[in-house]
Amino acid sequence: KKMNEFDIYEKIKKLEGAIEKDDNWGGFYFHVDREKAKILPEFLMNINDGMSFVLVDKYPSSENVQKLKKFFELRTEKVLKRIRTMGKKGVKSLLTKGSRWAVDTAFGNEEDMKVTEFSGVFAFADPTVIDYDDFEVALKTMENISNVKIEFWKSDKHLISTIRAGSENFSKSVALKIKESNYLSDEGRKYYGTVGCLSNFAWARRQMISGIMEMAAKDAFGKSVQVKKIADISLTILFDNGKELEYRFNFPKTHDMYLSKEGNELILFRNASYRMVPTNE
C-alpha cells in the first residue's frame, strides 16, 4: 500500500522522537533513539528520492537549451543500450558502490562525489538481502529514465540542469517484500542493509544521468566548455548517525546544503548561492 506524506508523518511520529517540519517543502526531519526506531516498508518505497544539479557555463538562451536537450537525448540513447549488458553482476556492484560505480564507469568524476551527500555511498549496504528477482527490476529501472524529472534553469549567466530521480520501481518492489521491524532486531538490521542498497542505487542512477548531461554539454558546446556538478541532495533518506536513526522526507536541509523554493524559483546554498529561474523550455 502506498502511503502519502501525511500518513508516513503520522506513523513516524508515534515512534516518539524529535521532529522538525518544513513548511517550504511540506516534509519533515525526524530522529529517534535506536531502541525505538523502526524500519518502515512505506518509507523505503521512495527512499533516496533526490536532486542533482549540473552547471553549464553557457548563457541559458532558448537555442542553447534546445541544443543541450538534443545532445542529451543522443547520449542517453547510446548509454541505455549498454546498461542491459552489465547484467545482474553489474547491478550488485552499483548496489554496493553507489556513486562510486558511476564514476568508475566514466559518468562524472571524483569532484562530483565531493558535492554529493555522504559522497553518494552507504558502506553498510548488503546486496545479499535483495531477492535476485529484483536485480532484474533494478536493470529495467536503470534502462528507463522516462520518469526522471529533468529541468533547465537560468542562474546569473549560467545554464543549470536539475535531475530529480530515485530508485523508483526497484525500491517499490523491494519494499513490498519486507515487514515493519524494530531497528535493533536481527530482522531490522538485515533490512537496514536493504536501505543501503536502495540508497546506493539511487545515487548511482543520478550520477549516471548527471554524467550523461556533462557529456552532452561537451558534445553540444565543445570540449572547452566548463561543466560541473554543483550539488546532489537526498530529499528522502534514512540513516544511522551513530547515536540515532534519522528519517528525512522531502526535507532538503543538510549540514552543508540547503534547497528552498520561492514561487517558481529554486535557491540552492552550497558554498555559493544559486538562484534559479525556469527557462520555460
Protein backbone atom coordinates (compact mmCIF):
# COMPACT_ATOMS: atom_id res chain seq x y z
CA LYS A 1 0.00 0.00 0.00
CA LYS A 2 1.35 3.40 -1.00
CA MET A 3 1.16 5.99 1.75
CA ASN A 4 1.09 9.74 1.29
CA GLU A 5 3.36 12.14 3.15
CA PHE A 6 0.83 12.81 5.91
CA ASP A 7 0.31 9.10 6.60
CA ILE A 8 4.06 8.48 6.83
CA TYR A 9 4.49 11.51 9.09
CA GLU A 10 1.77 10.30 11.45
CA LYS A 11 3.24 6.80 11.60
CA ILE A 12 6.78 8.00 12.33
CA LYS A 13 5.51 10.50 14.91
CA LYS A 14 4.35 7.56 17.04
CA LEU A 15 7.99 6.50 17.45
CA GLU A 16 8.46 9.33 19.96
CA GLY A 17 11.44 11.26 18.68
CA ALA A 18 12.44 14.83 17.93
CA ILE A 19 10.75 16.18 14.82
CA GLU A 20 11.12 19.27 12.69
CA LYS A 21 8.65 20.13 9.93
CA ASP A 22 9.50 22.08 6.82
CA ASP A 23 6.64 24.27 5.58
CA ASN A 24 8.65 25.13 2.47
CA TRP A 25 8.58 21.58 1.13
CA GLY A 26 5.84 20.07 3.27
CA GLY A 27 8.21 17.44 4.60
CA PHE A 28 9.80 16.57 7.93
CA TYR A 29 13.07 15.66 9.61
CA PHE A 30 12.90 13.18 12.47
CA HIS A 31 15.44 11.45 14.70
CA VAL A 32 14.63 8.55 17.00
CA ASP A 33 16.53 6.66 19.67
CA ARG A 34 17.80 3.39 18.22
CA GLU A 35 15.77 1.32 20.69
CA LYS A 36 12.53 2.92 19.50
CA ALA A 37 13.41 3.20 15.81
CA LYS A 38 11.78 1.02 13.18
CA ILE A 39 12.38 0.06 9.60
CA LEU A 40 9.15 1.03 7.81
CA PRO A 41 8.43 -0.50 4.39
CA GLU A 42 6.33 2.55 3.45
CA PHE A 43 9.30 4.84 3.98
CA LEU A 44 11.50 2.70 1.74
CA MET A 45 9.02 2.97 -1.14
CA ASN A 46 10.53 6.33 -2.07
CA ILE A 47 13.97 6.07 -0.47
CA ASN A 48 16.65 8.47 -1.68
CA ASP A 49 14.44 10.46 -3.98
CA GLY A 50 16.85 13.30 -4.69
CA MET A 51 18.09 16.01 -6.99
CA SER A 52 21.37 16.61 -8.81
CA PHE A 53 22.45 20.00 -10.17
CA VAL A 54 24.72 20.30 -13.21
CA LEU A 55 26.04 23.75 -14.14
CA VAL A 56 26.98 24.54 -17.75
CA ASP A 57 28.93 27.73 -18.38
CA LYS A 58 26.75 28.83 -21.29
CA TYR A 59 24.14 31.57 -21.50
CA PRO A 60 20.70 29.97 -20.86
CA SER A 61 19.16 31.02 -24.16
CA SER A 62 16.38 29.04 -25.80
CA GLU A 63 18.80 27.98 -28.53
CA ASN A 64 21.37 26.64 -26.04
CA VAL A 65 18.74 24.77 -24.02
CA GLN A 66 17.37 23.08 -27.12
CA LYS A 67 20.87 22.17 -28.27
CA LEU A 68 21.71 20.63 -24.90
CA LYS A 69 18.45 18.67 -24.87
CA LYS A 70 19.17 17.28 -28.33
CA PHE A 71 22.64 16.04 -27.42
CA PHE A 72 21.43 14.70 -24.06
CA GLU A 73 18.86 12.55 -25.86
CA LEU A 74 21.51 11.25 -28.26
CA ARG A 75 23.94 10.39 -25.44
CA THR A 76 21.19 8.81 -23.34
CA GLU A 77 20.11 6.52 -26.16
CA LYS A 78 23.65 5.19 -26.53
CA VAL A 79 24.21 4.73 -22.79
CA LEU A 80 20.93 2.97 -22.04
CA LYS A 81 21.61 0.44 -24.79
CA ARG A 82 24.78 -0.54 -22.88
CA ILE A 83 23.16 -0.77 -19.43
CA ARG A 84 21.49 -4.10 -20.17
CA THR A 85 24.88 -5.64 -20.97
CA MET A 86 26.17 -5.14 -17.42
CA GLY A 87 23.75 -7.87 -16.26
CA LYS A 88 22.86 -8.76 -12.70
CA LYS A 89 26.50 -8.92 -11.63
CA GLY A 90 26.82 -5.25 -12.55
CA VAL A 91 23.68 -4.45 -10.55
CA LYS A 92 25.28 -5.98 -7.45
CA SER A 93 28.27 -3.68 -7.91
CA LEU A 94 26.21 -0.48 -8.07
CA LEU A 95 24.11 -1.56 -5.06
CA THR A 96 27.37 -1.71 -3.10
CA LYS A 97 29.28 1.22 -4.58
CA GLY A 98 26.59 3.83 -5.30
CA SER A 99 28.05 6.95 -6.95
CA ARG A 100 31.45 5.27 -6.98
CA TRP A 101 30.12 2.74 -9.51
CA ALA A 102 29.03 5.56 -11.84
CA VAL A 103 32.30 7.50 -11.54
CA ASP A 104 34.35 4.33 -12.11
CA THR A 105 32.20 3.75 -15.22
CA ALA A 106 33.17 7.22 -16.55
CA PHE A 107 30.00 9.05 -15.55
CA GLY A 108 31.47 12.16 -13.95
CA ASN A 109 34.50 12.41 -11.67
CA GLU A 110 35.74 12.47 -8.08
CA GLU A 111 34.67 16.11 -7.65
CA ASP A 112 31.07 15.05 -8.28
CA MET A 113 31.22 12.74 -5.27
CA LYS A 114 32.56 15.56 -3.09
CA VAL A 115 29.41 17.64 -3.72
CA THR A 116 27.11 14.66 -3.13
CA GLU A 117 25.72 13.93 0.33
CA PHE A 118 27.56 11.04 2.04
CA SER A 119 29.75 11.06 -1.11
CA GLY A 120 26.91 9.08 -2.69
CA VAL A 121 27.81 5.82 -0.93
CA PHE A 122 26.38 3.97 2.08
CA ALA A 123 29.00 1.43 3.15
CA PHE A 124 26.52 -0.67 5.15
CA ALA A 125 24.69 -1.86 2.00
CA ASP A 126 24.24 -5.63 1.83
CA PRO A 127 23.14 -6.89 -1.63
CA THR A 128 22.66 -10.43 -0.28
CA VAL A 129 19.40 -9.28 1.34
CA ILE A 130 17.91 -8.34 -2.04
CA ASP A 131 15.93 -11.06 -3.85
CA TYR A 132 17.72 -12.00 -7.04
CA ASP A 133 14.47 -11.45 -8.98
CA ASP A 134 14.65 -7.79 -8.01
CA PHE A 135 18.01 -7.45 -9.74
CA GLU A 136 16.03 -7.65 -12.98
CA VAL A 137 13.72 -4.88 -11.74
CA ALA A 138 16.80 -2.80 -10.97
CA LEU A 139 18.12 -3.31 -14.50
CA LYS A 140 14.82 -2.25 -16.05
CA THR A 141 14.72 0.82 -13.79
CA MET A 142 18.23 1.83 -14.85
CA GLU A 143 17.30 1.37 -18.51
CA ASN A 144 14.28 3.66 -18.29
CA ILE A 145 14.57 7.37 -17.49
CA SER A 146 11.09 8.34 -18.72
CA ASN A 147 10.01 9.08 -15.13
CA VAL A 148 13.15 11.12 -14.34
CA LYS A 149 12.30 14.81 -13.99
CA ILE A 150 14.87 16.89 -15.89
CA GLU A 151 14.51 20.68 -15.94
CA PHE A 152 16.61 23.61 -17.14
CA TRP A 153 17.16 26.84 -15.24
CA LYS A 154 18.73 30.28 -15.57
CA SER A 155 21.21 31.27 -12.87
CA ASP A 156 23.02 34.56 -13.49
CA LYS A 157 24.68 33.86 -16.84
CA HIS A 158 24.78 30.10 -16.38
CA LEU A 159 22.59 27.25 -17.53
CA ILE A 160 21.76 24.73 -14.80
CA SER A 161 20.12 21.35 -15.28
CA THR A 162 18.33 19.64 -12.38
CA ILE A 163 17.89 15.89 -12.39
CA ARG A 164 15.36 14.51 -9.93
CA ALA A 165 15.37 10.74 -9.58
CA GLY A 166 15.33 7.96 -7.01
CA SER A 167 15.22 4.18 -7.07
CA GLU A 168 11.63 4.18 -8.38
CA ASN A 169 10.18 0.73 -9.24
CA PHE A 170 13.19 -1.05 -7.76
CA SER A 171 12.60 0.31 -4.25
CA LYS A 172 8.86 -0.28 -4.51
CA SER A 173 9.40 -3.92 -5.48
CA VAL A 174 11.88 -4.49 -2.64
CA ALA A 175 9.82 -2.62 -0.01
CA LEU A 176 6.73 -4.73 -0.70
CA LYS A 177 8.67 -7.81 0.44
CA ILE A 178 9.83 -6.55 3.83
CA LYS A 179 7.98 -6.21 7.12
CA GLU A 180 7.91 -3.43 9.67
CA SER A 181 10.53 -4.31 12.25
CA ASN A 182 12.45 -2.89 15.19
CA TYR A 183 15.71 -1.39 14.00
CA LEU A 184 17.84 -3.25 16.58
CA SER A 185 16.28 -6.66 15.88
CA ASP A 186 18.01 -9.18 13.64
CA GLU A 187 15.35 -8.59 11.02
CA GLY A 188 15.64 -4.82 11.35
CA ARG A 189 19.42 -4.89 10.91
CA LYS A 190 19.01 -7.04 7.82
CA TYR A 191 16.54 -4.58 6.35
CA TYR A 192 18.93 -1.73 7.13
CA GLY A 193 21.28 -3.40 4.65
CA THR A 194 18.39 -3.10 2.19
CA VAL A 195 18.17 0.64 2.90
CA GLY A 196 21.83 0.92 1.92
CA CYS A 197 21.30 -0.93 -1.36
CA LEU A 198 18.30 1.14 -2.41
CA SER A 199 20.02 4.40 -1.48
CA ASN A 200 23.19 3.45 -3.36
CA PHE A 201 21.11 2.51 -6.39
CA ALA A 202 19.50 5.97 -6.44
CA TRP A 203 22.88 7.74 -6.10
CA ALA A 204 24.34 5.61 -8.90
CA ARG A 205 21.34 6.40 -11.10
CA ARG A 206 21.51 10.16 -10.52
CA GLN A 207 25.27 10.19 -11.02
CA MET A 208 24.91 8.27 -14.28
CA ILE A 209 22.36 10.76 -15.61
CA SER A 210 24.42 13.72 -14.35
CA GLY A 211 27.41 12.23 -16.17
CA ILE A 212 25.38 11.91 -19.36
CA MET A 213 24.38 15.58 -19.03
CA GLU A 214 28.05 16.57 -18.66
CA MET A 215 28.95 14.55 -21.77
CA ALA A 216 26.05 16.09 -23.70
CA ALA A 217 27.18 19.62 -22.80
CA LYS A 218 30.66 18.87 -24.16
CA ASP A 219 29.08 17.42 -27.31
CA ALA A 220 26.87 20.47 -27.75
CA PHE A 221 29.26 23.29 -26.90
CA GLY A 222 32.75 21.87 -27.32
CA LYS A 223 35.30 20.24 -25.01
CA SER A 224 36.41 23.58 -23.55
CA VAL A 225 33.03 24.49 -22.04
CA GLN A 226 33.03 24.40 -18.24
CA VAL A 227 30.63 21.80 -16.87
CA LYS A 228 30.41 20.74 -13.25
CA LYS A 229 28.06 19.09 -10.82
CA ILE A 230 27.42 21.57 -8.01
CA ALA A 231 25.25 19.50 -5.64
CA ASP A 232 23.31 16.32 -5.04
CA ILE A 233 20.71 16.44 -2.27
CA SER A 234 18.71 13.47 -0.95
CA LEU A 235 15.16 14.60 -0.31
CA THR A 236 14.09 11.32 1.30
CA ILE A 237 16.69 9.34 3.22
CA LEU A 238 17.13 7.11 6.28
CA PHE A 239 20.43 6.59 8.12
CA ASP A 240 22.06 5.86 11.46
CA ASN A 241 24.04 8.93 12.56
CA GLY A 242 25.95 6.99 15.21
CA LYS A 243 23.52 7.86 18.00
CA GLU A 244 20.04 7.77 16.48
CA LEU A 245 18.16 6.74 13.39
CA GLU A 246 17.32 9.75 11.21
CA TYR A 247 14.38 9.92 8.85
CA ARG A 248 14.15 12.71 6.28
CA PHE A 249 11.16 13.04 3.97
CA ASN A 250 11.21 15.80 1.32
CA PHE A 251 13.34 17.93 3.64
CA PRO A 252 16.31 19.35 1.72
CA LYS A 253 18.35 20.72 4.59
CA THR A 254 21.75 19.21 5.32
CA HIS A 255 24.84 20.25 7.25
CA ASP A 256 26.31 21.95 4.19
CA MET A 257 23.45 22.32 1.69
CA TYR A 258 20.07 23.97 1.71
CA LEU A 259 17.47 24.00 -1.04
CA SER A 260 14.45 26.28 -0.84
CA LYS A 261 11.59 27.39 -3.05
CA GLU A 262 10.23 30.88 -3.67
CA GLY A 263 7.33 30.72 -6.06
CA ASN A 264 8.63 29.05 -9.21
CA GLU A 265 12.27 29.72 -8.31
CA LEU A 266 14.76 27.41 -6.63
CA ILE A 267 17.51 28.67 -4.34
CA LEU A 268 20.47 26.40 -3.66
CA PHE A 269 23.04 27.24 -1.00
CA ARG A 270 26.30 25.31 -1.11
CA ASN A 271 29.42 27.44 -0.58
CA ALA A 272 27.87 29.80 -3.14
CA SER A 273 24.24 30.78 -3.59
CA TYR A 274 22.42 29.88 -6.80
CA ARG A 275 19.07 31.49 -7.55
CA MET A 276 17.46 29.54 -10.36
CA VAL A 277 14.62 30.67 -12.60
CA PRO A 278 12.92 28.23 -15.03
CA THR A 279 13.92 28.59 -18.67
CA ASN A 280 10.37 27.57 -19.69
CA GLU A 281 11.85 25.23 -22.23
